[in-house]
N, C-alpha and C. Protein backbone atom coordinates (compact mmCIF):
# COMPACT_ATOMS: atom_id res chain seq x y z
N MET A 1 30.62 -36.93 96.17
CA MET A 1 29.88 -36.40 95.04
C MET A 1 30.36 -35.01 94.73
N GLY A 2 30.78 -34.78 93.52
CA GLY A 2 31.20 -33.48 93.11
C GLY A 2 30.26 -32.87 92.10
N PRO A 3 30.54 -31.63 91.71
CA PRO A 3 29.69 -30.97 90.71
C PRO A 3 30.01 -31.52 89.29
N VAL A 4 29.08 -31.33 88.42
CA VAL A 4 29.28 -31.74 87.02
C VAL A 4 30.33 -30.83 86.40
N ASP A 5 31.30 -31.44 85.70
CA ASP A 5 32.35 -30.70 85.01
C ASP A 5 31.80 -30.24 83.66
N TRP A 6 31.27 -29.03 83.60
CA TRP A 6 30.61 -28.54 82.38
C TRP A 6 31.61 -28.27 81.28
N ILE A 7 32.82 -27.93 81.59
CA ILE A 7 33.81 -27.79 80.55
C ILE A 7 34.13 -29.18 79.99
N GLY A 8 34.20 -30.17 80.84
CA GLY A 8 34.38 -31.54 80.39
C GLY A 8 33.21 -32.02 79.51
N VAL A 9 32.00 -31.64 79.88
CA VAL A 9 30.81 -31.98 79.09
C VAL A 9 30.95 -31.39 77.69
N PHE A 10 31.32 -30.11 77.60
CA PHE A 10 31.48 -29.48 76.31
C PHE A 10 32.59 -30.16 75.49
N LEU A 11 33.72 -30.41 76.14
CA LEU A 11 34.83 -31.04 75.43
C LEU A 11 34.49 -32.48 75.01
N ALA A 12 33.73 -33.16 75.83
CA ALA A 12 33.31 -34.55 75.47
C ALA A 12 32.38 -34.50 74.26
N ALA A 13 31.50 -33.54 74.19
CA ALA A 13 30.65 -33.42 73.01
C ALA A 13 31.46 -33.08 71.77
N VAL A 14 32.44 -32.23 71.91
CA VAL A 14 33.34 -31.92 70.80
C VAL A 14 34.08 -33.16 70.37
N ALA A 15 34.56 -33.96 71.34
CA ALA A 15 35.29 -35.21 70.99
C ALA A 15 34.37 -36.15 70.22
N ALA A 16 33.11 -36.27 70.62
CA ALA A 16 32.18 -37.13 69.89
C ALA A 16 31.95 -36.61 68.46
N MET A 17 31.93 -35.31 68.29
CA MET A 17 31.76 -34.75 66.95
C MET A 17 32.99 -35.01 66.06
N VAL A 18 34.19 -34.96 66.68
CA VAL A 18 35.42 -35.28 65.93
C VAL A 18 35.41 -36.72 65.52
N VAL A 19 34.99 -37.60 66.44
CA VAL A 19 34.87 -39.01 66.07
C VAL A 19 33.87 -39.18 64.95
N ALA A 20 32.75 -38.48 65.00
CA ALA A 20 31.73 -38.58 63.92
C ALA A 20 32.32 -38.14 62.58
N ALA A 21 33.04 -37.03 62.60
CA ALA A 21 33.61 -36.56 61.34
C ALA A 21 34.57 -37.59 60.74
N ALA A 22 35.43 -38.15 61.56
CA ALA A 22 36.39 -39.14 61.07
C ALA A 22 35.67 -40.45 60.66
N TRP A 23 34.79 -40.93 61.54
CA TRP A 23 34.13 -42.21 61.31
C TRP A 23 33.30 -42.21 60.02
N TYR A 24 32.49 -41.19 59.87
CA TYR A 24 31.61 -41.14 58.71
C TYR A 24 32.35 -40.71 57.42
N ARG A 25 33.52 -40.14 57.56
CA ARG A 25 34.34 -39.89 56.38
C ARG A 25 34.88 -41.25 55.88
N ILE A 26 35.29 -42.12 56.82
CA ILE A 26 35.80 -43.44 56.47
C ILE A 26 34.68 -44.29 55.86
N PHE A 27 33.49 -44.25 56.45
CA PHE A 27 32.39 -45.14 56.06
C PHE A 27 31.36 -44.51 55.13
N LEU A 28 31.63 -43.36 54.60
CA LEU A 28 30.66 -42.69 53.73
C LEU A 28 30.34 -43.53 52.48
N ARG A 29 31.35 -44.01 51.82
CA ARG A 29 31.11 -44.75 50.58
C ARG A 29 30.40 -46.08 50.87
N PRO A 30 30.82 -46.88 51.87
CA PRO A 30 30.08 -48.12 52.16
C PRO A 30 28.64 -47.85 52.57
N LEU A 31 28.40 -46.79 53.32
CA LEU A 31 27.03 -46.46 53.72
C LEU A 31 26.20 -46.09 52.49
N ALA A 32 26.77 -45.32 51.57
CA ALA A 32 26.04 -44.93 50.36
C ALA A 32 25.69 -46.16 49.52
N VAL A 33 26.63 -47.10 49.43
CA VAL A 33 26.35 -48.31 48.66
C VAL A 33 25.28 -49.14 49.33
N LEU A 34 25.37 -49.29 50.66
CA LEU A 34 24.40 -50.11 51.39
C LEU A 34 22.99 -49.48 51.36
N ALA A 35 22.94 -48.17 51.41
CA ALA A 35 21.65 -47.50 51.46
C ALA A 35 20.93 -47.54 50.08
N GLY A 36 21.71 -47.67 49.03
CA GLY A 36 21.10 -47.75 47.71
C GLY A 36 20.76 -46.37 47.16
N PRO A 37 20.21 -46.33 45.95
CA PRO A 37 19.85 -45.02 45.31
C PRO A 37 18.87 -44.23 46.18
N GLY A 38 19.22 -43.00 46.43
CA GLY A 38 18.34 -42.12 47.21
C GLY A 38 18.34 -42.41 48.70
N GLY A 39 19.12 -43.35 49.15
CA GLY A 39 19.13 -43.73 50.56
C GLY A 39 19.84 -42.73 51.46
N LEU A 40 20.89 -42.14 50.92
CA LEU A 40 21.63 -41.11 51.69
C LEU A 40 21.54 -39.80 50.94
N GLU A 41 20.50 -39.05 51.20
CA GLU A 41 20.31 -37.76 50.53
C GLU A 41 21.32 -36.74 51.05
N VAL A 42 21.77 -35.89 50.18
CA VAL A 42 22.64 -34.80 50.62
C VAL A 42 21.78 -33.82 51.42
N ARG A 43 22.27 -33.52 52.58
CA ARG A 43 21.54 -32.57 53.43
C ARG A 43 21.54 -31.19 52.84
N ARG A 44 20.38 -30.58 52.82
CA ARG A 44 20.29 -29.20 52.30
C ARG A 44 20.78 -28.18 53.30
N ARG A 45 20.72 -28.53 54.56
CA ARG A 45 21.15 -27.62 55.63
C ARG A 45 22.18 -28.30 56.53
N PRO A 46 23.40 -28.52 56.06
CA PRO A 46 24.39 -29.25 56.84
C PRO A 46 24.75 -28.54 58.16
N PHE A 47 24.74 -27.19 58.14
CA PHE A 47 25.06 -26.46 59.37
C PHE A 47 23.99 -26.71 60.44
N THR A 48 22.73 -26.68 60.04
CA THR A 48 21.65 -26.96 60.96
C THR A 48 21.73 -28.38 61.53
N THR A 49 22.06 -29.32 60.66
CA THR A 49 22.23 -30.71 61.10
C THR A 49 23.35 -30.85 62.09
N MET A 50 24.46 -30.17 61.84
CA MET A 50 25.62 -30.23 62.74
C MET A 50 25.28 -29.62 64.09
N ILE A 51 24.59 -28.52 64.11
CA ILE A 51 24.21 -27.87 65.37
C ILE A 51 23.26 -28.73 66.16
N ALA A 52 22.26 -29.32 65.48
CA ALA A 52 21.33 -30.19 66.17
C ALA A 52 22.03 -31.44 66.71
N THR A 53 22.94 -32.00 65.91
CA THR A 53 23.69 -33.18 66.35
C THR A 53 24.51 -32.84 67.55
N PHE A 54 25.20 -31.68 67.54
CA PHE A 54 26.01 -31.28 68.69
C PHE A 54 25.13 -31.15 69.93
N ALA A 55 23.98 -30.53 69.81
CA ALA A 55 23.08 -30.36 70.93
C ALA A 55 22.67 -31.71 71.51
N LEU A 56 22.37 -32.66 70.67
CA LEU A 56 21.97 -34.00 71.16
C LEU A 56 23.13 -34.74 71.80
N VAL A 57 24.33 -34.64 71.22
CA VAL A 57 25.48 -35.27 71.82
C VAL A 57 25.85 -34.57 73.12
N PHE A 58 25.62 -33.27 73.21
CA PHE A 58 25.86 -32.54 74.43
C PHE A 58 24.99 -33.08 75.57
N VAL A 59 23.72 -33.40 75.25
CA VAL A 59 22.83 -33.99 76.27
C VAL A 59 23.40 -35.29 76.78
N SER A 60 23.89 -36.13 75.85
CA SER A 60 24.49 -37.40 76.28
C SER A 60 25.76 -37.16 77.09
N ALA A 61 26.58 -36.21 76.71
CA ALA A 61 27.80 -35.92 77.46
C ALA A 61 27.44 -35.37 78.85
N ALA A 62 26.37 -34.60 78.93
CA ALA A 62 25.94 -34.07 80.23
C ALA A 62 25.54 -35.21 81.17
N MET A 63 24.86 -36.22 80.62
CA MET A 63 24.50 -37.36 81.48
C MET A 63 25.74 -38.13 81.94
N LEU A 64 26.70 -38.29 81.05
CA LEU A 64 27.97 -38.94 81.45
C LEU A 64 28.64 -38.08 82.52
N GLY A 65 28.67 -36.77 82.33
CA GLY A 65 29.29 -35.88 83.33
C GLY A 65 28.61 -35.99 84.67
N HIS A 66 27.30 -36.13 84.66
CA HIS A 66 26.52 -36.33 85.89
C HIS A 66 26.90 -37.63 86.57
N MET A 67 27.04 -38.67 85.75
CA MET A 67 27.42 -40.02 86.30
C MET A 67 28.82 -39.94 86.92
N TYR A 68 29.76 -39.33 86.20
CA TYR A 68 31.13 -39.27 86.71
C TYR A 68 31.25 -38.40 87.93
N ALA A 69 30.41 -37.37 88.04
CA ALA A 69 30.44 -36.49 89.22
C ALA A 69 30.02 -37.26 90.49
N ARG A 70 29.30 -38.36 90.30
CA ARG A 70 28.79 -39.14 91.46
C ARG A 70 29.72 -40.28 91.85
N LEU A 71 30.87 -40.40 91.17
CA LEU A 71 31.79 -41.46 91.53
C LEU A 71 32.34 -41.24 92.94
N SER A 72 32.33 -42.31 93.76
CA SER A 72 32.85 -42.16 95.11
C SER A 72 34.39 -42.11 95.11
N ASP A 73 35.03 -42.74 94.13
CA ASP A 73 36.50 -42.75 94.05
C ASP A 73 36.89 -42.49 92.58
N PRO A 74 36.98 -41.21 92.18
CA PRO A 74 37.30 -40.92 90.78
C PRO A 74 38.71 -41.32 90.36
N SER A 75 39.56 -41.76 91.33
CA SER A 75 40.90 -42.20 90.97
C SER A 75 40.91 -43.56 90.28
N LYS A 76 39.81 -44.29 90.33
CA LYS A 76 39.73 -45.58 89.66
C LYS A 76 39.50 -45.35 88.17
N TRP A 77 40.61 -45.25 87.42
CA TRP A 77 40.56 -44.87 86.01
C TRP A 77 39.68 -45.82 85.17
N TRP A 78 39.64 -47.06 85.53
CA TRP A 78 38.89 -48.03 84.71
C TRP A 78 37.39 -47.83 84.74
N LEU A 79 36.90 -47.04 85.73
CA LEU A 79 35.45 -46.78 85.75
C LEU A 79 35.01 -45.91 84.57
N TYR A 80 35.89 -45.08 84.04
CA TYR A 80 35.52 -44.18 82.95
C TYR A 80 35.18 -44.93 81.66
N PRO A 81 36.11 -45.78 81.16
CA PRO A 81 35.73 -46.52 79.95
C PRO A 81 34.66 -47.55 80.25
N MET A 82 34.61 -48.11 81.46
CA MET A 82 33.58 -49.10 81.76
C MET A 82 32.20 -48.45 81.71
N MET A 83 32.07 -47.28 82.30
CA MET A 83 30.78 -46.61 82.35
C MET A 83 30.36 -46.08 80.98
N SER A 84 31.28 -45.40 80.28
CA SER A 84 30.92 -44.86 78.98
C SER A 84 30.69 -45.96 77.96
N GLY A 85 31.52 -46.98 77.95
CA GLY A 85 31.33 -48.09 77.04
C GLY A 85 30.09 -48.86 77.38
N GLY A 86 29.82 -49.02 78.69
CA GLY A 86 28.61 -49.70 79.12
C GLY A 86 27.34 -49.00 78.69
N VAL A 87 27.32 -47.70 78.77
CA VAL A 87 26.15 -46.96 78.31
C VAL A 87 25.95 -47.21 76.81
N ALA A 88 27.03 -47.17 76.06
CA ALA A 88 26.93 -47.40 74.61
C ALA A 88 26.46 -48.83 74.30
N ILE A 89 27.12 -49.79 74.93
CA ILE A 89 26.84 -51.21 74.62
C ILE A 89 25.47 -51.67 75.11
N PHE A 90 25.07 -51.21 76.28
CA PHE A 90 23.86 -51.74 76.91
C PHE A 90 22.62 -50.84 76.77
N PHE A 91 22.78 -49.60 76.32
CA PHE A 91 21.64 -48.70 76.15
C PHE A 91 21.52 -48.18 74.72
N VAL A 92 22.55 -47.50 74.27
CA VAL A 92 22.50 -46.82 72.96
C VAL A 92 22.40 -47.80 71.81
N ILE A 93 23.31 -48.75 71.75
CA ILE A 93 23.35 -49.69 70.63
C ILE A 93 22.09 -50.57 70.56
N PRO A 94 21.60 -51.12 71.68
CA PRO A 94 20.37 -51.87 71.56
C PRO A 94 19.18 -51.03 71.09
N ALA A 95 19.10 -49.78 71.52
CA ALA A 95 18.04 -48.91 71.04
C ALA A 95 18.17 -48.64 69.54
N LEU A 96 19.37 -48.37 69.12
CA LEU A 96 19.63 -48.17 67.70
C LEU A 96 19.29 -49.42 66.91
N TRP A 97 19.76 -50.55 67.36
CA TRP A 97 19.53 -51.82 66.69
C TRP A 97 18.02 -52.14 66.55
N THR A 98 17.30 -51.86 67.63
CA THR A 98 15.84 -52.08 67.60
C THR A 98 15.18 -51.27 66.50
N ASN A 99 15.57 -50.00 66.39
CA ASN A 99 15.03 -49.15 65.33
C ASN A 99 15.39 -49.71 63.96
N TYR A 100 16.64 -50.13 63.80
CA TYR A 100 17.05 -50.63 62.50
C TYR A 100 16.34 -51.93 62.15
N LEU A 101 16.04 -52.75 63.13
CA LEU A 101 15.30 -53.99 62.84
C LEU A 101 13.87 -53.68 62.33
N HIS A 102 13.26 -52.73 62.99
CA HIS A 102 11.87 -52.36 62.58
C HIS A 102 11.86 -51.64 61.23
N GLN A 103 12.93 -50.90 60.94
CA GLN A 103 12.98 -50.19 59.65
C GLN A 103 13.55 -51.07 58.54
N ARG A 104 13.99 -52.25 58.92
CA ARG A 104 14.58 -53.21 57.97
C ARG A 104 15.79 -52.64 57.23
N ASN A 105 16.62 -51.90 57.97
CA ASN A 105 17.85 -51.38 57.43
C ASN A 105 18.86 -52.53 57.30
N PRO A 106 19.78 -52.45 56.39
CA PRO A 106 20.80 -53.49 56.29
C PRO A 106 21.63 -53.60 57.57
N ARG A 107 21.93 -54.83 57.94
CA ARG A 107 22.68 -55.09 59.16
C ARG A 107 24.04 -54.38 59.17
N ALA A 108 24.68 -54.27 58.00
CA ALA A 108 25.96 -53.61 57.91
C ALA A 108 25.89 -52.15 58.34
N ILE A 109 24.78 -51.49 57.99
CA ILE A 109 24.59 -50.09 58.40
C ILE A 109 24.51 -50.03 59.93
N ALA A 110 23.80 -50.97 60.51
CA ALA A 110 23.67 -51.02 61.98
C ALA A 110 25.03 -51.22 62.62
N PHE A 111 25.85 -52.10 62.05
CA PHE A 111 27.21 -52.30 62.60
C PHE A 111 28.06 -51.05 62.49
N ILE A 112 27.98 -50.34 61.37
CA ILE A 112 28.77 -49.13 61.20
C ILE A 112 28.33 -48.07 62.23
N ASP A 113 27.05 -47.90 62.37
CA ASP A 113 26.53 -46.88 63.32
C ASP A 113 26.80 -47.31 64.80
N ALA A 114 26.63 -48.59 65.08
CA ALA A 114 26.93 -49.08 66.42
C ALA A 114 28.38 -48.87 66.76
N GLY A 115 29.26 -49.14 65.81
CA GLY A 115 30.71 -48.91 66.02
C GLY A 115 30.98 -47.44 66.32
N PHE A 116 30.32 -46.57 65.55
CA PHE A 116 30.49 -45.12 65.84
C PHE A 116 30.10 -44.79 67.26
N TRP A 117 28.92 -45.22 67.69
CA TRP A 117 28.46 -44.84 69.02
C TRP A 117 29.34 -45.41 70.11
N LEU A 118 29.85 -46.61 69.93
CA LEU A 118 30.78 -47.14 70.93
C LEU A 118 32.05 -46.30 71.02
N ILE A 119 32.66 -45.99 69.89
CA ILE A 119 33.87 -45.17 69.87
C ILE A 119 33.59 -43.77 70.39
N ALA A 120 32.45 -43.19 70.03
CA ALA A 120 32.11 -41.84 70.49
C ALA A 120 31.94 -41.80 71.98
N TYR A 121 31.27 -42.78 72.57
CA TYR A 121 31.09 -42.81 74.02
C TYR A 121 32.41 -43.06 74.73
N LEU A 122 33.24 -43.93 74.17
CA LEU A 122 34.57 -44.14 74.77
C LEU A 122 35.40 -42.86 74.69
N ALA A 123 35.30 -42.12 73.62
CA ALA A 123 36.02 -40.86 73.51
C ALA A 123 35.53 -39.86 74.54
N MET A 124 34.20 -39.81 74.76
CA MET A 124 33.66 -38.92 75.78
C MET A 124 34.17 -39.34 77.17
N GLY A 125 34.18 -40.62 77.45
CA GLY A 125 34.70 -41.10 78.73
C GLY A 125 36.17 -40.76 78.90
N LEU A 126 36.94 -40.83 77.80
CA LEU A 126 38.33 -40.48 77.85
C LEU A 126 38.54 -39.03 78.22
N VAL A 127 37.71 -38.15 77.66
CA VAL A 127 37.78 -36.72 78.01
C VAL A 127 37.58 -36.53 79.49
N PHE A 128 36.57 -37.15 80.06
CA PHE A 128 36.31 -37.01 81.51
C PHE A 128 37.45 -37.64 82.33
N LEU A 129 38.01 -38.75 81.87
CA LEU A 129 39.16 -39.35 82.53
C LEU A 129 40.32 -38.42 82.57
N LEU A 130 40.62 -37.78 81.45
CA LEU A 130 41.76 -36.89 81.39
C LEU A 130 41.53 -35.59 82.20
N ARG A 131 40.29 -35.25 82.50
CA ARG A 131 40.00 -34.05 83.25
C ARG A 131 39.80 -34.27 84.72
N ARG A 132 39.90 -35.53 85.18
CA ARG A 132 39.64 -35.81 86.60
C ARG A 132 40.69 -35.20 87.49
């Protein structure tokens, strides 16, 4: 058991934000069409939204950092994508999907957001893998 790599946590959160910027730039138009009129309001405080998003992603990255610090054999590279992808597939995406079902959001929006979270978590895992 080693200490949490806090630099890795920060870099993993940055990696998730980079994925978010690219992902939602690609899917902005489809999301706007799916959401309908008034569904995707322009944020009045984009800087505040980005800071809050980074803080929340940082919390997720910190948990991944904690999990990776507890690996008995960090040389097993496949544990990094397995653990980060597993958290996304078995925890984050089902929670997101449950909310979308109750809110009756279009399924396509759920797929776009689920894809983002899977790629974001895999990117965070990759950062920790590269820093081991």
